[in-house]
Amino acid sequence: MIYVIARSVLNPGCKEKFVEAALDNIPTVQAEDGCIMYELTEDFNSGLSAQAEIDENATTFIEAWESMDHLMAHLQSAHMAKFRERITGLRKSSSLQVVTPVSR
């Protein structure tokens, strides 16, 4: 299994449009072969001192996939191409971290 943390920092005034596009796409992604979890999140002020700075213009997808092959198929799907087209110009920056559980 792999996990993906995909963060987008959005341009001012663009969060609503980005979230709408993402929420429209989520059910299709969740139905993909190999998708275990696919959730859109936003920063939450927990009050914990170790928490990074809160950014009201940021969203983060938390994803779990059965394998890297499943993630690659997801990234190459037609609905993700359509999603990327729909959000063109809404993001200031994006980052992606792929992690896997540590095994003994």
N, C-alpha and C. Protein backbone atom coordinates (compact mmCIF):
# COMPACT_ATOMS: atom_id res chain seq x y z
N MET A 1 0.85 -1.18 0.00
CA MET A 1 0.00 0.00 0.00
C MET A 1 0.89 1.24 0.00
N ILE A 2 0.41 2.28 -0.67
CA ILE A 2 1.09 3.57 -0.64
C ILE A 2 0.09 4.65 -0.23
N TYR A 3 0.62 5.68 0.36
CA TYR A 3 -0.16 6.86 0.73
C TYR A 3 0.36 8.04 -0.06
N VAL A 4 -0.54 8.93 -0.40
CA VAL A 4 -0.17 10.15 -1.13
C VAL A 4 -0.70 11.34 -0.35
N ILE A 5 0.17 12.32 -0.16
CA ILE A 5 -0.22 13.60 0.44
C ILE A 5 0.01 14.64 -0.64
N ALA A 6 -1.08 15.15 -1.20
CA ALA A 6 -1.00 16.08 -2.33
C ALA A 6 -1.56 17.43 -1.90
N ARG A 7 -0.67 18.39 -1.71
CA ARG A 7 -1.06 19.70 -1.18
C ARG A 7 -1.08 20.73 -2.30
N SER A 8 -2.12 21.54 -2.30
CA SER A 8 -2.24 22.65 -3.24
C SER A 8 -2.42 23.95 -2.46
N VAL A 9 -1.57 24.92 -2.76
CA VAL A 9 -1.76 26.27 -2.24
C VAL A 9 -2.43 27.03 -3.37
N LEU A 10 -3.59 27.57 -3.06
CA LEU A 10 -4.43 28.17 -4.09
C LEU A 10 -4.22 29.67 -4.17
N ASN A 11 -4.45 30.21 -5.34
CA ASN A 11 -4.41 31.66 -5.50
C ASN A 11 -5.55 32.27 -4.71
N PRO A 12 -5.35 33.50 -4.21
CA PRO A 12 -6.42 34.15 -3.45
C PRO A 12 -7.73 34.18 -4.25
N GLY A 13 -8.82 33.85 -3.57
CA GLY A 13 -10.14 33.88 -4.19
C GLY A 13 -10.48 32.66 -5.03
N CYS A 14 -9.60 31.67 -5.06
CA CYS A 14 -9.81 30.50 -5.93
C CYS A 14 -10.20 29.23 -5.18
N LYS A 15 -10.22 29.26 -3.87
CA LYS A 15 -10.46 28.04 -3.11
C LYS A 15 -11.85 27.45 -3.39
N GLU A 16 -12.85 28.26 -3.46
CA GLU A 16 -14.21 27.76 -3.69
C GLU A 16 -14.31 27.01 -5.01
N LYS A 17 -13.74 27.55 -6.07
CA LYS A 17 -13.77 26.89 -7.39
C LYS A 17 -12.99 25.58 -7.36
N PHE A 18 -11.84 25.59 -6.70
CA PHE A 18 -11.02 24.38 -6.60
C PHE A 18 -11.77 23.29 -5.84
N VAL A 19 -12.33 23.64 -4.71
CA VAL A 19 -13.06 22.66 -3.90
C VAL A 19 -14.25 22.11 -4.67
N GLU A 20 -14.97 22.94 -5.38
CA GLU A 20 -16.11 22.47 -6.17
C GLU A 20 -15.65 21.45 -7.22
N ALA A 21 -14.58 21.75 -7.92
CA ALA A 21 -14.06 20.83 -8.93
C ALA A 21 -13.61 19.52 -8.28
N ALA A 22 -12.93 19.62 -7.15
CA ALA A 22 -12.45 18.43 -6.46
C ALA A 22 -13.61 17.56 -5.97
N LEU A 23 -14.59 18.18 -5.35
CA LEU A 23 -15.73 17.42 -4.82
C LEU A 23 -16.51 16.75 -5.94
N ASP A 24 -16.59 17.38 -7.09
CA ASP A 24 -17.26 16.76 -8.24
C ASP A 24 -16.51 15.52 -8.71
N ASN A 25 -15.18 15.52 -8.58
CA ASN A 25 -14.33 14.43 -9.08
C ASN A 25 -14.15 13.28 -8.08
N ILE A 26 -14.30 13.55 -6.81
CA ILE A 26 -13.99 12.56 -5.77
C ILE A 26 -14.75 11.25 -5.93
N PRO A 27 -16.06 11.23 -6.16
CA PRO A 27 -16.73 9.92 -6.29
C PRO A 27 -16.17 9.05 -7.41
N THR A 28 -15.77 9.67 -8.51
CA THR A 28 -15.19 8.91 -9.62
C THR A 28 -13.85 8.32 -9.21
N VAL A 29 -13.04 9.09 -8.51
CA VAL A 29 -11.74 8.59 -8.05
C VAL A 29 -11.94 7.46 -7.04
N GLN A 30 -12.86 7.65 -6.10
CA GLN A 30 -13.08 6.62 -5.08
C GLN A 30 -13.56 5.31 -5.68
N ALA A 31 -14.15 5.35 -6.87
CA ALA A 31 -14.62 4.13 -7.54
C ALA A 31 -13.51 3.46 -8.36
N GLU A 32 -12.35 4.09 -8.47
CA GLU A 32 -11.25 3.52 -9.25
C GLU A 32 -10.72 2.24 -8.62
N ASP A 33 -10.27 1.34 -9.48
CA ASP A 33 -9.63 0.12 -9.02
C ASP A 33 -8.38 0.48 -8.23
N GLY A 34 -8.24 -0.06 -7.04
CA GLY A 34 -7.06 0.17 -6.22
C GLY A 34 -7.14 1.35 -5.28
N CYS A 35 -8.20 2.15 -5.36
CA CYS A 35 -8.35 3.29 -4.45
C CYS A 35 -8.89 2.80 -3.11
N ILE A 36 -8.13 3.03 -2.07
CA ILE A 36 -8.54 2.66 -0.72
C ILE A 36 -9.16 3.88 -0.02
N MET A 37 -8.55 5.04 -0.23
CA MET A 37 -9.04 6.27 0.40
C MET A 37 -8.64 7.45 -0.48
N TYR A 38 -9.53 8.42 -0.59
CA TYR A 38 -9.26 9.64 -1.36
C TYR A 38 -10.11 10.74 -0.74
N GLU A 39 -9.50 11.58 0.07
CA GLU A 39 -10.22 12.61 0.81
C GLU A 39 -9.57 13.98 0.60
N LEU A 40 -10.39 14.99 0.43
CA LEU A 40 -9.91 16.37 0.36
C LEU A 40 -10.01 16.96 1.76
N THR A 41 -8.92 17.57 2.21
CA THR A 41 -8.90 18.17 3.55
C THR A 41 -8.43 19.63 3.44
N GLU A 42 -8.66 20.35 4.52
CA GLU A 42 -8.14 21.71 4.62
C GLU A 42 -7.48 21.86 5.98
N ASP A 43 -6.60 22.83 6.11
CA ASP A 43 -5.89 23.05 7.35
C ASP A 43 -6.88 23.28 8.50
N PHE A 44 -6.55 22.70 9.63
CA PHE A 44 -7.37 22.80 10.84
C PHE A 44 -6.47 23.29 11.96
N ASN A 45 -6.89 24.35 12.61
CA ASN A 45 -6.09 24.93 13.69
C ASN A 45 -6.32 24.11 14.96
N SER A 46 -5.40 23.18 15.21
CA SER A 46 -5.50 22.28 16.35
C SER A 46 -5.03 22.91 17.66
N GLY A 47 -4.26 23.98 17.55
CA GLY A 47 -3.68 24.58 18.75
C GLY A 47 -2.41 23.88 19.22
N LEU A 48 -1.99 22.84 18.53
CA LEU A 48 -0.78 22.12 18.90
C LEU A 48 0.45 22.92 18.46
N SER A 49 1.42 23.02 19.33
CA SER A 49 2.59 23.85 19.05
C SER A 49 3.43 23.33 17.89
N ALA A 50 3.40 22.05 17.63
CA ALA A 50 4.21 21.48 16.55
C ALA A 50 3.57 21.61 15.18
N GLN A 51 2.32 22.05 15.15
CA GLN A 51 1.64 22.14 13.86
C GLN A 51 2.22 23.25 13.01
N ALA A 52 2.37 22.95 11.73
CA ALA A 52 2.86 23.96 10.78
C ALA A 52 1.83 25.08 10.67
N GLU A 53 2.26 26.17 10.08
CA GLU A 53 1.39 27.33 9.90
C GLU A 53 0.12 26.96 9.13
N ILE A 54 -0.99 27.50 9.56
CA ILE A 54 -2.28 27.28 8.92
C ILE A 54 -2.37 28.18 7.69
N ASP A 55 -2.79 27.61 6.57
CA ASP A 55 -2.96 28.37 5.34
C ASP A 55 -4.40 28.21 4.88
N GLU A 56 -5.16 29.27 4.96
CA GLU A 56 -6.57 29.23 4.57
C GLU A 56 -6.76 29.02 3.07
N ASN A 57 -5.72 29.24 2.29
CA ASN A 57 -5.79 29.05 0.84
C ASN A 57 -5.17 27.73 0.40
N ALA A 58 -5.13 26.76 1.29
CA ALA A 58 -4.51 25.47 0.95
C ALA A 58 -5.50 24.33 1.16
N THR A 59 -5.33 23.30 0.35
CA THR A 59 -6.07 22.05 0.52
C THR A 59 -5.07 20.91 0.38
N THR A 60 -5.42 19.78 0.96
CA THR A 60 -4.55 18.61 0.89
C THR A 60 -5.40 17.38 0.63
N PHE A 61 -5.06 16.64 -0.43
CA PHE A 61 -5.66 15.34 -0.65
C PHE A 61 -4.86 14.32 0.16
N ILE A 62 -5.56 13.50 0.91
CA ILE A 62 -4.97 12.36 1.61
C ILE A 62 -5.49 11.12 0.88
N GLU A 63 -4.57 10.34 0.33
CA GLU A 63 -4.95 9.21 -0.52
C GLU A 63 -4.26 7.94 -0.05
N ALA A 64 -4.92 6.81 -0.28
CA ALA A 64 -4.30 5.49 -0.08
C ALA A 64 -4.62 4.65 -1.30
N TRP A 65 -3.59 4.01 -1.84
CA TRP A 65 -3.72 3.19 -3.04
C TRP A 65 -3.11 1.82 -2.78
N GLU A 66 -3.66 0.81 -3.42
CA GLU A 66 -3.15 -0.55 -3.26
C GLU A 66 -1.71 -0.67 -3.74
N SER A 67 -1.35 0.07 -4.80
CA SER A 67 0.00 -0.04 -5.36
C SER A 67 0.34 1.21 -6.16
N MET A 68 1.60 1.31 -6.51
CA MET A 68 2.06 2.40 -7.36
C MET A 68 1.42 2.29 -8.74
N ASP A 69 1.21 1.08 -9.24
CA ASP A 69 0.53 0.91 -10.53
C ASP A 69 -0.87 1.50 -10.50
N HIS A 70 -1.58 1.32 -9.40
CA HIS A 70 -2.93 1.90 -9.28
C HIS A 70 -2.86 3.43 -9.27
N LEU A 71 -1.87 3.97 -8.56
CA LEU A 71 -1.71 5.43 -8.54
C LEU A 71 -1.40 5.95 -9.94
N MET A 72 -0.54 5.27 -10.66
CA MET A 72 -0.18 5.72 -12.01
C MET A 72 -1.39 5.68 -12.93
N ALA A 73 -2.21 4.62 -12.83
CA ALA A 73 -3.43 4.55 -13.64
C ALA A 73 -4.35 5.70 -13.30
N HIS A 74 -4.46 6.03 -12.02
CA HIS A 74 -5.28 7.16 -11.57
C HIS A 74 -4.78 8.46 -12.20
N LEU A 75 -3.49 8.69 -12.12
CA LEU A 75 -2.93 9.94 -12.64
C LEU A 75 -3.10 10.07 -14.15
N GLN A 76 -3.19 8.95 -14.85
CA GLN A 76 -3.32 8.96 -16.31
C GLN A 76 -4.77 8.86 -16.78
N SER A 77 -5.72 8.82 -15.85
CA SER A 77 -7.13 8.65 -16.23
C SER A 77 -7.70 9.90 -16.88
N ALA A 78 -8.73 9.71 -17.68
CA ALA A 78 -9.38 10.82 -18.38
C ALA A 78 -10.01 11.80 -17.39
N HIS A 79 -10.60 11.28 -16.33
CA HIS A 79 -11.25 12.20 -15.37
C HIS A 79 -10.23 13.06 -14.62
N MET A 80 -9.01 12.55 -14.42
CA MET A 80 -7.99 13.39 -13.79
C MET A 80 -7.47 14.44 -14.77
N ALA A 81 -7.38 14.10 -16.05
CA ALA A 81 -7.00 15.09 -17.06
C ALA A 81 -8.03 16.21 -17.09
N LYS A 82 -9.30 15.84 -17.02
CA LYS A 82 -10.39 16.82 -17.01
C LYS A 82 -10.31 17.68 -15.74
N PHE A 83 -10.02 17.05 -14.59
CA PHE A 83 -9.88 17.79 -13.34
C PHE A 83 -8.74 18.79 -13.43
N ARG A 84 -7.58 18.34 -13.92
CA ARG A 84 -6.43 19.25 -14.05
C ARG A 84 -6.75 20.43 -14.97
N GLU A 85 -7.49 20.16 -16.03
CA GLU A 85 -7.89 21.24 -16.94
C GLU A 85 -8.81 22.22 -16.22
N ARG A 86 -9.72 21.67 -15.43
CA ARG A 86 -10.71 22.51 -14.73
C ARG A 86 -10.06 23.41 -13.69
N ILE A 87 -8.95 22.98 -13.10
CA ILE A 87 -8.32 23.77 -12.04
C ILE A 87 -7.14 24.60 -12.54
N THR A 88 -6.93 24.61 -13.85
CA THR A 88 -5.84 25.41 -14.41
C THR A 88 -5.97 26.87 -13.96
N GLY A 89 -4.87 27.40 -13.43
CA GLY A 89 -4.83 28.80 -13.00
C GLY A 89 -5.31 29.03 -11.58
N LEU A 90 -5.83 28.00 -10.91
CA LEU A 90 -6.35 28.17 -9.54
C LEU A 90 -5.27 27.99 -8.48
N ARG A 91 -4.21 27.24 -8.82
CA ARG A 91 -3.18 26.93 -7.83
C ARG A 91 -1.95 27.81 -7.97
N LYS A 92 -1.46 28.26 -6.82
CA LYS A 92 -0.19 28.99 -6.76
C LYS A 92 0.96 27.98 -6.79
N SER A 93 0.78 26.87 -6.08
CA SER A 93 1.81 25.83 -6.04
C SER A 93 1.17 24.51 -5.63
N SER A 94 1.89 23.45 -5.90
CA SER A 94 1.43 22.14 -5.44
C SER A 94 2.64 21.28 -5.11
N SER A 95 2.43 20.33 -4.21
CA SER A 95 3.50 19.40 -3.83
C SER A 95 2.89 18.02 -3.62
N LEU A 96 3.72 17.02 -3.78
CA LEU A 96 3.26 15.65 -3.69
C LEU A 96 4.27 14.85 -2.88
N GLN A 97 3.78 14.11 -1.92
CA GLN A 97 4.63 13.21 -1.14
C GLN A 97 4.00 11.83 -1.19
N VAL A 98 4.76 10.82 -1.61
CA VAL A 98 4.30 9.44 -1.64
C VAL A 98 5.07 8.68 -0.57
N VAL A 99 4.35 7.99 0.31
CA VAL A 99 4.97 7.26 1.41
C VAL A 99 4.38 5.86 1.47
N THR A 100 5.09 4.98 2.14
CA THR A 100 4.62 3.62 2.32
C THR A 100 4.89 3.20 3.75
N PRO A 101 4.10 2.29 4.30
CA PRO A 101 4.33 1.86 5.68
C PRO A 101 5.71 1.22 5.84
N VAL A 102 6.31 1.44 6.97
CA VAL A 102 7.58 0.81 7.31
C VAL A 102 7.27 -0.63 7.70
N SER A 103 8.03 -1.55 7.14
CA SER A 103 7.82 -2.95 7.49
C SER A 103 9.05 -3.51 8.17
N ARG A 104 8.85 -4.53 8.95
CA ARG A 104 9.97 -5.18 9.69
C ARG A 104 10.42 -6.40 8.94
